[in-house]
Amino acid sequence: GWIINQDGIIVTNNHVVTGAKTVTITL
């Protein structure tokens, strides 16, 4: 993913996160 806003808003693909119970971001 990539950061689109400095306040922690990140863009990615639907198929990366859809249906996931947990999502963890590493900067």
mmCIF file of all heavy atoms, coordinates in Angstrom:
data_MODEL
# 
_entry.id   MODEL 
# 
loop_
_atom_site.group_PDB 
_atom_site.id 
_atom_site.type_symbol 
_atom_site.label_atom_id 
_atom_site.label_alt_id 
_atom_site.label_comp_id 
_atom_site.label_asym_id 
_atom_site.label_entity_id 
_atom_site.label_seq_id 
_atom_site.pdbx_PDB_ins_code 
_atom_site.Cartn_x 
_atom_site.Cartn_y 
_atom_site.Cartn_z 
_atom_site.occupancy 
_atom_site.B_iso_or_equiv 
_atom_site.pdbx_formal_charge 
_atom_site.auth_seq_id 
_atom_site.auth_comp_id 
_atom_site.auth_asym_id 
_atom_site.auth_atom_id 
_atom_site.pdbx_PDB_model_num 
ATOM 1   N N   . GLY A 1 1  ? 0.841   -1.181  0.000  1.00 0.00 ? 1  GLY A N   1 
ATOM 2   C CA  . GLY A 1 1  ? 0.000   0.000   0.000  1.00 0.00 ? 1  GLY A CA  1 
ATOM 3   C C   . GLY A 1 1  ? 0.879   1.234   0.000  1.00 0.00 ? 1  GLY A C   1 
ATOM 4   O O   . GLY A 1 1  ? 2.101   1.143   0.064  1.00 0.00 ? 1  GLY A O   1 
ATOM 5   N N   . TRP A 1 2  ? 0.245   2.404   -0.071 1.00 0.00 ? 2  TRP A N   1 
ATOM 6   C CA  . TRP A 1 2  ? 1.016   3.651   -0.040 1.00 0.00 ? 2  TRP A CA  1 
ATOM 7   C C   . TRP A 1 2  ? 0.209   4.737   0.669  1.00 0.00 ? 2  TRP A C   1 
ATOM 8   O O   . TRP A 1 2  ? -1.016  4.751   0.661  1.00 0.00 ? 2  TRP A O   1 
ATOM 9   C CB  . TRP A 1 2  ? 1.428   4.090   -1.443 1.00 0.00 ? 2  TRP A CB  1 
ATOM 10  C CG  . TRP A 1 2  ? 0.318   4.176   -2.436 1.00 0.00 ? 2  TRP A CG  1 
ATOM 11  C CD1 . TRP A 1 2  ? -0.231  3.152   -3.152 1.00 0.00 ? 2  TRP A CD1 1 
ATOM 12  C CD2 . TRP A 1 2  ? -0.403  5.355   -2.817 1.00 0.00 ? 2  TRP A CD2 1 
ATOM 13  N NE1 . TRP A 1 2  ? -1.239  3.615   -3.960 1.00 0.00 ? 2  TRP A NE1 1 
ATOM 14  C CE2 . TRP A 1 2  ? -1.353  4.957   -3.788 1.00 0.00 ? 2  TRP A CE2 1 
ATOM 15  C CE3 . TRP A 1 2  ? -0.317  6.706   -2.466 1.00 0.00 ? 2  TRP A CE3 1 
ATOM 16  C CZ2 . TRP A 1 2  ? -2.227  5.866   -4.383 1.00 0.00 ? 2  TRP A CZ2 1 
ATOM 17  C CZ3 . TRP A 1 2  ? -1.182  7.610   -3.063 1.00 0.00 ? 2  TRP A CZ3 1 
ATOM 18  C CH2 . TRP A 1 2  ? -2.131  7.182   -4.006 1.00 0.00 ? 2  TRP A CH2 1 
ATOM 19  N N   . ILE A 1 3  ? 0.939   5.617   1.309  1.00 0.00 ? 3  ILE A N   1 
ATOM 20  C CA  . ILE A 1 3  ? 0.338   6.651   2.145  1.00 0.00 ? 3  ILE A CA  1 
ATOM 21  C C   . ILE A 1 3  ? -0.121  7.812   1.271  1.00 0.00 ? 3  ILE A C   1 
ATOM 22  O O   . ILE A 1 3  ? 0.680   8.425   0.559  1.00 0.00 ? 3  ILE A O   1 
ATOM 23  C CB  . ILE A 1 3  ? 1.349   7.147   3.199  1.00 0.00 ? 3  ILE A CB  1 
ATOM 24  C CG1 . ILE A 1 3  ? 1.808   5.983   4.088  1.00 0.00 ? 3  ILE A CG1 1 
ATOM 25  C CG2 . ILE A 1 3  ? 0.754   8.268   4.030  1.00 0.00 ? 3  ILE A CG2 1 
ATOM 26  C CD1 . ILE A 1 3  ? 3.066   6.270   4.877  1.00 0.00 ? 3  ILE A CD1 1 
ATOM 27  N N   . ILE A 1 4  ? -1.423  8.114   1.339  1.00 0.00 ? 4  ILE A N   1 
ATOM 28  C CA  . ILE A 1 4  ? -1.965  9.220   0.555  1.00 0.00 ? 4  ILE A CA  1 
ATOM 29  C C   . ILE A 1 4  ? -2.196  10.454  1.423  1.00 0.00 ? 4  ILE A C   1 
ATOM 30  O O   . ILE A 1 4  ? -2.358  11.558  0.908  1.00 0.00 ? 4  ILE A O   1 
ATOM 31  C CB  . ILE A 1 4  ? -3.280  8.805   -0.151 1.00 0.00 ? 4  ILE A CB  1 
ATOM 32  C CG1 . ILE A 1 4  ? -3.668  9.829   -1.220 1.00 0.00 ? 4  ILE A CG1 1 
ATOM 33  C CG2 . ILE A 1 4  ? -4.410  8.597   0.854  1.00 0.00 ? 4  ILE A CG2 1 
ATOM 34  C CD1 . ILE A 1 4  ? -4.845  9.411   -2.080 1.00 0.00 ? 4  ILE A CD1 1 
ATOM 35  N N   . ASN A 1 5  ? -2.176  10.258  2.735  1.00 0.00 ? 5  ASN A N   1 
ATOM 36  C CA  . ASN A 1 5  ? -2.397  11.382  3.660  1.00 0.00 ? 5  ASN A CA  1 
ATOM 37  C C   . ASN A 1 5  ? -1.562  11.166  4.908  1.00 0.00 ? 5  ASN A C   1 
ATOM 38  O O   . ASN A 1 5  ? -1.460  10.042  5.414  1.00 0.00 ? 5  ASN A O   1 
ATOM 39  C CB  . ASN A 1 5  ? -3.887  11.481  4.013  1.00 0.00 ? 5  ASN A CB  1 
ATOM 40  C CG  . ASN A 1 5  ? -4.169  12.564  5.029  1.00 0.00 ? 5  ASN A CG  1 
ATOM 41  O OD1 . ASN A 1 5  ? -4.179  12.285  6.229  1.00 0.00 ? 5  ASN A OD1 1 
ATOM 42  N ND2 . ASN A 1 5  ? -4.399  13.786  4.579  1.00 0.00 ? 5  ASN A ND2 1 
ATOM 43  N N   . GLN A 1 6  ? -0.978  12.234  5.421  1.00 0.00 ? 6  GLN A N   1 
ATOM 44  C CA  . GLN A 1 6  ? -0.047  12.125  6.555  1.00 0.00 ? 6  GLN A CA  1 
ATOM 45  C C   . GLN A 1 6  ? -0.700  11.624  7.835  1.00 0.00 ? 6  GLN A C   1 
ATOM 46  O O   . GLN A 1 6  ? -0.015  11.158  8.750  1.00 0.00 ? 6  GLN A O   1 
ATOM 47  C CB  . GLN A 1 6  ? 0.610   13.478  6.821  1.00 0.00 ? 6  GLN A CB  1 
ATOM 48  C CG  . GLN A 1 6  ? -0.361  14.558  7.274  1.00 0.00 ? 6  GLN A CG  1 
ATOM 49  C CD  . GLN A 1 6  ? 0.349   15.854  7.633  1.00 0.00 ? 6  GLN A CD  1 
ATOM 50  O OE1 . GLN A 1 6  ? 1.558   15.955  7.527  1.00 0.00 ? 6  GLN A OE1 1 
ATOM 51  N NE2 . GLN A 1 6  ? -0.425  16.839  8.066  1.00 0.00 ? 6  GLN A NE2 1 
ATOM 52  N N   . ASP A 1 7  ? -2.031  11.676  7.902  1.00 0.00 ? 7  ASP A N   1 
ATOM 53  C CA  . ASP A 1 7  ? -2.735  11.238  9.109  1.00 0.00 ? 7  ASP A CA  1 
ATOM 54  C C   . ASP A 1 7  ? -3.138  9.771   9.046  1.00 0.00 ? 7  ASP A C   1 
ATOM 55  O O   . ASP A 1 7  ? -4.156  9.372   9.610  1.00 0.00 ? 7  ASP A O   1 
ATOM 56  C CB  . ASP A 1 7  ? -3.952  12.121  9.364  1.00 0.00 ? 7  ASP A CB  1 
ATOM 57  C CG  . ASP A 1 7  ? -3.565  13.547  9.727  1.00 0.00 ? 7  ASP A CG  1 
ATOM 58  O OD1 . ASP A 1 7  ? -2.498  13.723  10.352 1.00 0.00 ? 7  ASP A OD1 1 
ATOM 59  O OD2 . ASP A 1 7  ? -4.309  14.477  9.381  1.00 0.00 ? 7  ASP A OD2 1 
ATOM 60  N N   . GLY A 1 8  ? -2.357  8.963   8.379  1.00 0.00 ? 8  GLY A N   1 
ATOM 61  C CA  . GLY A 1 8  ? -2.546  7.513   8.437  1.00 0.00 ? 8  GLY A CA  1 
ATOM 62  C C   . GLY A 1 8  ? -3.559  6.939   7.483  1.00 0.00 ? 8  GLY A C   1 
ATOM 63  O O   . GLY A 1 8  ? -4.132  5.879   7.755  1.00 0.00 ? 8  GLY A O   1 
ATOM 64  N N   . ILE A 1 9  ? -3.796  7.582   6.330  1.00 0.00 ? 9  ILE A N   1 
ATOM 65  C CA  . ILE A 1 9  ? -4.713  7.053   5.318  1.00 0.00 ? 9  ILE A CA  1 
ATOM 66  C C   . ILE A 1 9  ? -3.884  6.409   4.214  1.00 0.00 ? 9  ILE A C   1 
ATOM 67  O O   . ILE A 1 9  ? -3.019  7.049   3.612  1.00 0.00 ? 9  ILE A O   1 
ATOM 68  C CB  . ILE A 1 9  ? -5.643  8.137   4.763  1.00 0.00 ? 9  ILE A CB  1 
ATOM 69  C CG1 . ILE A 1 9  ? -6.491  8.731   5.896  1.00 0.00 ? 9  ILE A CG1 1 
ATOM 70  C CG2 . ILE A 1 9  ? -6.538  7.571   3.672  1.00 0.00 ? 9  ILE A CG2 1 
ATOM 71  C CD1 . ILE A 1 9  ? -7.425  9.837   5.455  1.00 0.00 ? 9  ILE A CD1 1 
ATOM 72  N N   . ILE A 1 10 ? -4.168  5.134   3.946  1.00 0.00 ? 10 ILE A N   1 
ATOM 73  C CA  . ILE A 1 10 ? -3.347  4.310   3.059  1.00 0.00 ? 10 ILE A CA  1 
ATOM 74  C C   . ILE A 1 10 ? -4.211  3.719   1.958  1.00 0.00 ? 10 ILE A C   1 
ATOM 75  O O   . ILE A 1 10 ? -5.325  3.249   2.208  1.00 0.00 ? 10 ILE A O   1 
ATOM 76  C CB  . ILE A 1 10 ? -2.662  3.190   3.870  1.00 0.00 ? 10 ILE A CB  1 
ATOM 77  C CG1 . ILE A 1 10 ? -1.637  3.811   4.832  1.00 0.00 ? 10 ILE A CG1 1 
ATOM 78  C CG2 . ILE A 1 10 ? -2.023  2.140   2.975  1.00 0.00 ? 10 ILE A CG2 1 
ATOM 79  C CD1 . ILE A 1 10 ? -1.214  2.891   5.938  1.00 0.00 ? 10 ILE A CD1 1 
ATOM 80  N N   . VAL A 1 11 ? -3.693  3.730   0.737  1.00 0.00 ? 11 VAL A N   1 
ATOM 81  C CA  . VAL A 1 11 ? -4.370  3.151   -0.424 1.00 0.00 ? 11 VAL A CA  1 
ATOM 82  C C   . VAL A 1 11 ? -3.799  1.765   -0.694 1.00 0.00 ? 11 VAL A C   1 
ATOM 83  O O   . VAL A 1 11 ? -2.584  1.549   -0.613 1.00 0.00 ? 11 VAL A O   1 
ATOM 84  C CB  . VAL A 1 11 ? -4.179  4.040   -1.670 1.00 0.00 ? 11 VAL A CB  1 
ATOM 85  C CG1 . VAL A 1 11 ? -4.833  3.404   -2.896 1.00 0.00 ? 11 VAL A CG1 1 
ATOM 86  C CG2 . VAL A 1 11 ? -4.743  5.436   -1.426 1.00 0.00 ? 11 VAL A CG2 1 
ATOM 87  N N   . THR A 1 12 ? -4.676  0.820   -1.025 1.00 0.00 ? 12 THR A N   1 
ATOM 88  C CA  . THR A 1 12 ? -4.243  -0.514  -1.437 1.00 0.00 ? 12 THR A CA  1 
ATOM 89  C C   . THR A 1 12 ? -5.306  -1.097  -2.355 1.00 0.00 ? 12 THR A C   1 
ATOM 90  O O   . THR A 1 12 ? -6.192  -0.390  -2.837 1.00 0.00 ? 12 THR A O   1 
ATOM 91  C CB  . THR A 1 12 ? -3.980  -1.413  -0.200 1.00 0.00 ? 12 THR A CB  1 
ATOM 92  O OG1 . THR A 1 12 ? -3.418  -2.657  -0.636 1.00 0.00 ? 12 THR A OG1 1 
ATOM 93  C CG2 . THR A 1 12 ? -5.257  -1.682  0.581  1.00 0.00 ? 12 THR A CG2 1 
ATOM 94  N N   . ASN A 1 13 ? -5.221  -2.395  -2.617 1.00 0.00 ? 13 ASN A N   1 
ATOM 95  C CA  . ASN A 1 13 ? -6.221  -3.089  -3.426 1.00 0.00 ? 13 ASN A CA  1 
ATOM 96  C C   . ASN A 1 13 ? -7.270  -3.748  -2.546 1.00 0.00 ? 13 ASN A C   1 
ATOM 97  O O   . ASN A 1 13 ? -6.972  -4.214  -1.446 1.00 0.00 ? 13 ASN A O   1 
ATOM 98  C CB  . ASN A 1 13 ? -5.586  -4.180  -4.286 1.00 0.00 ? 13 ASN A CB  1 
ATOM 99  C CG  . ASN A 1 13 ? -4.848  -3.652  -5.492 1.00 0.00 ? 13 ASN A CG  1 
ATOM 100 O OD1 . ASN A 1 13 ? -3.774  -4.123  -5.803 1.00 0.00 ? 13 ASN A OD1 1 
ATOM 101 N ND2 . ASN A 1 13 ? -5.404  -2.686  -6.192 1.00 0.00 ? 13 ASN A ND2 1 
ATOM 102 N N   . ASN A 1 14 ? -8.490  -3.840  -3.072 1.00 0.00 ? 14 ASN A N   1 
ATOM 103 C CA  . ASN A 1 14 ? -9.557  -4.556  -2.388 1.00 0.00 ? 14 ASN A CA  1 
ATOM 104 C C   . ASN A 1 14 ? -9.160  -5.997  -2.111 1.00 0.00 ? 14 ASN A C   1 
ATOM 105 O O   . ASN A 1 14 ? -9.380  -6.520  -1.015 1.00 0.00 ? 14 ASN A O   1 
ATOM 106 C CB  . ASN A 1 14 ? -10.820 -4.513  -3.250 1.00 0.00 ? 14 ASN A CB  1 
ATOM 107 C CG  . ASN A 1 14 ? -11.898 -5.448  -2.753 1.00 0.00 ? 14 ASN A CG  1 
ATOM 108 O OD1 . ASN A 1 14 ? -12.540 -5.204  -1.750 1.00 0.00 ? 14 ASN A OD1 1 
ATOM 109 N ND2 . ASN A 1 14 ? -12.100 -6.562  -3.460 1.00 0.00 ? 14 ASN A ND2 1 
ATOM 110 N N   . HIS A 1 15 ? -8.541  -6.674  -3.094 1.00 0.00 ? 15 HIS A N   1 
ATOM 111 C CA  . HIS A 1 15 ? -8.263  -8.095  -2.909 1.00 0.00 ? 15 HIS A CA  1 
ATOM 112 C C   . HIS A 1 15 ? -7.155  -8.353  -1.888 1.00 0.00 ? 15 HIS A C   1 
ATOM 113 O O   . HIS A 1 15 ? -6.961  -9.499  -1.479 1.00 0.00 ? 15 HIS A O   1 
ATOM 114 C CB  . HIS A 1 15 ? -7.954  -8.768  -4.242 1.00 0.00 ? 15 HIS A CB  1 
ATOM 115 C CG  . HIS A 1 15 ? -6.642  -8.421  -4.862 1.00 0.00 ? 15 HIS A CG  1 
ATOM 116 N ND1 . HIS A 1 15 ? -6.502  -7.455  -5.827 1.00 0.00 ? 15 HIS A ND1 1 
ATOM 117 C CD2 . HIS A 1 15 ? -5.402  -8.919  -4.653 1.00 0.00 ? 15 HIS A CD2 1 
ATOM 118 C CE1 . HIS A 1 15 ? -5.243  -7.384  -6.200 1.00 0.00 ? 15 HIS A CE1 1 
ATOM 119 N NE2 . HIS A 1 15 ? -4.543  -8.255  -5.501 1.00 0.00 ? 15 HIS A NE2 1 
ATOM 120 N N   . VAL A 1 16 ? -6.437  -7.324  -1.476 1.00 0.00 ? 16 VAL A N   1 
ATOM 121 C CA  . VAL A 1 16 ? -5.428  -7.491  -0.424 1.00 0.00 ? 16 VAL A CA  1 
ATOM 122 C C   . VAL A 1 16 ? -6.086  -7.613  0.953  1.00 0.00 ? 16 VAL A C   1 
ATOM 123 O O   . VAL A 1 16 ? -5.648  -8.410  1.787  1.00 0.00 ? 16 VAL A O   1 
ATOM 124 C CB  . VAL A 1 16 ? -4.437  -6.311  -0.424 1.00 0.00 ? 16 VAL A CB  1 
ATOM 125 C CG1 . VAL A 1 16 ? -3.504  -6.363  0.785  1.00 0.00 ? 16 VAL A CG1 1 
ATOM 126 C CG2 . VAL A 1 16 ? -3.615  -6.305  -1.709 1.00 0.00 ? 16 VAL A CG2 1 
ATOM 127 N N   . VAL A 1 17 ? -7.153  -6.840  1.191  1.00 0.00 ? 17 VAL A N   1 
ATOM 128 C CA  . VAL A 1 17 ? -7.710  -6.749  2.542  1.00 0.00 ? 17 VAL A CA  1 
ATOM 129 C C   . VAL A 1 17 ? -9.121  -7.285  2.689  1.00 0.00 ? 17 VAL A C   1 
ATOM 130 O O   . VAL A 1 17 ? -9.591  -7.489  3.822  1.00 0.00 ? 17 VAL A O   1 
ATOM 131 C CB  . VAL A 1 17 ? -7.688  -5.280  3.035  1.00 0.00 ? 17 VAL A CB  1 
ATOM 132 C CG1 . VAL A 1 17 ? -6.267  -4.778  3.157  1.00 0.00 ? 17 VAL A CG1 1 
ATOM 133 C CG2 . VAL A 1 17 ? -8.498  -4.369  2.096  1.00 0.00 ? 17 VAL A CG2 1 
ATOM 134 N N   . THR A 1 18 ? -9.834  -7.505  1.591  1.00 0.00 ? 18 THR A N   1 
ATOM 135 C CA  . THR A 1 18 ? -11.228 -7.904  1.716  1.00 0.00 ? 18 THR A CA  1 
ATOM 136 C C   . THR A 1 18 ? -11.356 -9.249  2.434  1.00 0.00 ? 18 THR A C   1 
ATOM 137 O O   . THR A 1 18 ? -10.620 -10.193 2.165  1.00 0.00 ? 18 THR A O   1 
ATOM 138 C CB  . THR A 1 18 ? -11.901 -7.973  0.333  1.00 0.00 ? 18 THR A CB  1 
ATOM 139 O OG1 . THR A 1 18 ? -13.311 -8.166  0.496  1.00 0.00 ? 18 THR A OG1 1 
ATOM 140 C CG2 . THR A 1 18 ? -11.359 -9.105  -0.506 1.00 0.00 ? 18 THR A CG2 1 
ATOM 141 N N   . GLY A 1 19 ? -12.283 -9.319  3.377  1.00 0.00 ? 19 GLY A N   1 
ATOM 142 C CA  . GLY A 1 19 ? -12.542 -10.535 4.124  1.00 0.00 ? 19 GLY A CA  1 
ATOM 143 C C   . GLY A 1 19 ? -11.550 -10.828 5.221  1.00 0.00 ? 19 GLY A C   1 
ATOM 144 O O   . GLY A 1 19 ? -11.707 -11.813 5.956  1.00 0.00 ? 19 GLY A O   1 
ATOM 145 N N   . ALA A 1 20 ? -10.535 -9.980  5.379  1.00 0.00 ? 20 ALA A N   1 
ATOM 146 C CA  . ALA A 1 20 ? -9.514  -10.241 6.404  1.00 0.00 ? 20 ALA A CA  1 
ATOM 147 C C   . ALA A 1 20 ? -10.046 -9.918  7.797  1.00 0.00 ? 20 ALA A C   1 
ATOM 148 O O   . ALA A 1 20 ? -10.748 -8.925  7.987  1.00 0.00 ? 20 ALA A O   1 
ATOM 149 C CB  . ALA A 1 20 ? -8.262  -9.413  6.128  1.00 0.00 ? 20 ALA A CB  1 
ATOM 150 N N   . LYS A 1 21 ? -9.711  -10.745 8.762  1.00 0.00 ? 21 LYS A N   1 
ATOM 151 C CA  . LYS A 1 21 ? -10.083 -10.482 10.153 1.00 0.00 ? 21 LYS A CA  1 
ATOM 152 C C   . LYS A 1 21 ? -9.119  -9.517  10.819 1.00 0.00 ? 21 LYS A C   1 
ATOM 153 O O   . LYS A 1 21 ? -9.505  -8.764  11.713 1.00 0.00 ? 21 LYS A O   1 
ATOM 154 C CB  . LYS A 1 21 ? -10.144 -11.800 10.931 1.00 0.00 ? 21 LYS A CB  1 
ATOM 155 C CG  . LYS A 1 21 ? -11.213 -12.761 10.427 1.00 0.00 ? 21 LYS A CG  1 
ATOM 156 C CD  . LYS A 1 21 ? -11.204 -14.069 11.216 1.00 0.00 ? 21 LYS A CD  1 
ATOM 157 C CE  . LYS A 1 21 ? -12.267 -15.024 10.705 1.00 0.00 ? 21 LYS A CE  1 
ATOM 158 N NZ  . LYS A 1 21 ? -12.238 -16.318 11.442 1.00 0.00 ? 21 LYS A NZ  1 
ATOM 159 N N   . THR A 1 22 ? -7.866  -9.564  10.412 1.00 0.00 ? 22 THR A N   1 
ATOM 160 C CA  . THR A 1 22 ? -6.868  -8.634  10.936 1.00 0.00 ? 22 THR A CA  1 
ATOM 161 C C   . THR A 1 22 ? -6.068  -8.055  9.782  1.00 0.00 ? 22 THR A C   1 
ATOM 162 O O   . THR A 1 22 ? -5.759  -8.753  8.809  1.00 0.00 ? 22 THR A O   1 
ATOM 163 C CB  . THR A 1 22 ? -5.901  -9.326  11.921 1.00 0.00 ? 22 THR A CB  1 
ATOM 164 O OG1 . THR A 1 22 ? -5.203  -10.382 11.229 1.00 0.00 ? 22 THR A OG1 1 
ATOM 165 C CG2 . THR A 1 22 ? -6.649  -9.900  13.109 1.00 0.00 ? 22 THR A CG2 1 
ATOM 166 N N   . VAL A 1 23 ? -5.737  -6.782  9.879  1.00 0.00 ? 23 VAL A N   1 
ATOM 167 C CA  . VAL A 1 23 ? -4.909  -6.097  8.889  1.00 0.00 ? 23 VAL A CA  1 
ATOM 168 C C   . VAL A 1 23 ? -3.850  -5.308  9.649  1.00 0.00 ? 23 VAL A C   1 
ATOM 169 O O   . VAL A 1 23 ? -4.175  -4.469  10.487 1.00 0.00 ? 23 VAL A O   1 
ATOM 170 C CB  . VAL A 1 23 ? -5.736  -5.142  8.012  1.00 0.00 ? 23 VAL A CB  1 
ATOM 171 C CG1 . VAL A 1 23 ? -4.834  -4.406  7.020  1.00 0.00 ? 23 VAL A CG1 1 
ATOM 172 C CG2 . VAL A 1 23 ? -6.839  -5.895  7.271  1.00 0.00 ? 23 VAL A CG2 1 
ATOM 173 N N   . THR A 1 24 ? -2.583  -5.578  9.348  1.00 0.00 ? 24 THR A N   1 
ATOM 174 C CA  . THR A 1 24 ? -1.483  -4.912  10.025 1.00 0.00 ? 24 THR A CA  1 
ATOM 175 C C   . THR A 1 24 ? -0.616  -4.196  9.000  1.00 0.00 ? 24 THR A C   1 
ATOM 176 O O   . THR A 1 24 ? -0.265  -4.769  7.966  1.00 0.00 ? 24 THR A O   1 
ATOM 177 C CB  . THR A 1 24 ? -0.615  -5.923  10.810 1.00 0.00 ? 24 THR A CB  1 
ATOM 178 O OG1 . THR A 1 24 ? -1.439  -6.614  11.746 1.00 0.00 ? 24 THR A OG1 1 
ATOM 179 C CG2 . THR A 1 24 ? 0.500   -5.210  11.556 1.00 0.00 ? 24 THR A CG2 1 
ATOM 180 N N   . ILE A 1 25 ? -0.289  -2.948  9.296  1.00 0.00 ? 25 ILE A N   1 
ATOM 181 C CA  . ILE A 1 25 ? 0.509   -2.116  8.409  1.00 0.00 ? 25 ILE A CA  1 
ATOM 182 C C   . ILE A 1 25 ? 1.912   -1.958  8.984  1.00 0.00 ? 25 ILE A C   1 
ATOM 183 O O   . ILE A 1 25 ? 2.073   -1.608  10.164 1.00 0.00 ? 25 ILE A O   1 
ATOM 184 C CB  . ILE A 1 25 ? -0.128  -0.725  8.240  1.00 0.00 ? 25 ILE A CB  1 
ATOM 185 C CG1 . ILE A 1 25 ? -1.577  -0.835  7.757  1.00 0.00 ? 25 ILE A CG1 1 
ATOM 186 C CG2 . ILE A 1 25 ? 0.708   0.139   7.300  1.00 0.00 ? 25 ILE A CG2 1 
ATOM 187 C CD1 . ILE A 1 25 ? -1.740  -1.483  6.414  1.00 0.00 ? 25 ILE A CD1 1 
ATOM 188 N N   . THR A 1 26 ? 2.924   -2.192  8.163  1.00 0.00 ? 26 THR A N   1 
ATOM 189 C CA  . THR A 1 26 ? 4.308   -1.942  8.559  1.00 0.00 ? 26 THR A CA  1 
ATOM 190 C C   . THR A 1 26 ? 4.854   -0.802  7.725  1.00 0.00 ? 26 THR A C   1 
ATOM 191 O O   . THR A 1 26 ? 4.883   -0.873  6.485  1.00 0.00 ? 26 THR A O   1 
ATOM 192 C CB  . THR A 1 26 ? 5.179   -3.196  8.365  1.00 0.00 ? 26 THR A CB  1 
ATOM 193 O OG1 . THR A 1 26 ? 4.641   -4.265  9.153  1.00 0.00 ? 26 THR A OG1 1 
ATOM 194 C CG2 . THR A 1 26 ? 6.610   -2.920  8.800  1.00 0.00 ? 26 THR A CG2 1 
ATOM 195 N N   . LEU A 1 27 ? 5.288   0.260   8.397  1.00 0.00 ? 27 LEU A N   1 
ATOM 196 C CA  . LEU A 1 27 ? 5.827   1.429   7.719  1.00 0.00 ? 27 LEU A CA  1 
ATOM 197 C C   . LEU A 1 27 ? 7.282   1.194   7.316  1.00 0.00 ? 27 LEU A C   1 
ATOM 198 O O   . LEU A 1 27 ? 7.928   0.222   7.728  1.00 0.00 ? 27 LEU A O   1 
ATOM 199 C CB  . LEU A 1 27 ? 5.724   2.651   8.623  1.00 0.00 ? 27 LEU A CB  1 
ATOM 200 C CG  . LEU A 1 27 ? 4.326   3.024   9.137  1.00 0.00 ? 27 LEU A CG  1 
ATOM 201 C CD1 . LEU A 1 27 ? 4.399   4.299   9.970  1.00 0.00 ? 27 LEU A CD1 1 
ATOM 202 C CD2 . LEU A 1 27 ? 3.339   3.194   7.983  1.00 0.00 ? 27 LEU A CD2 1 
# 
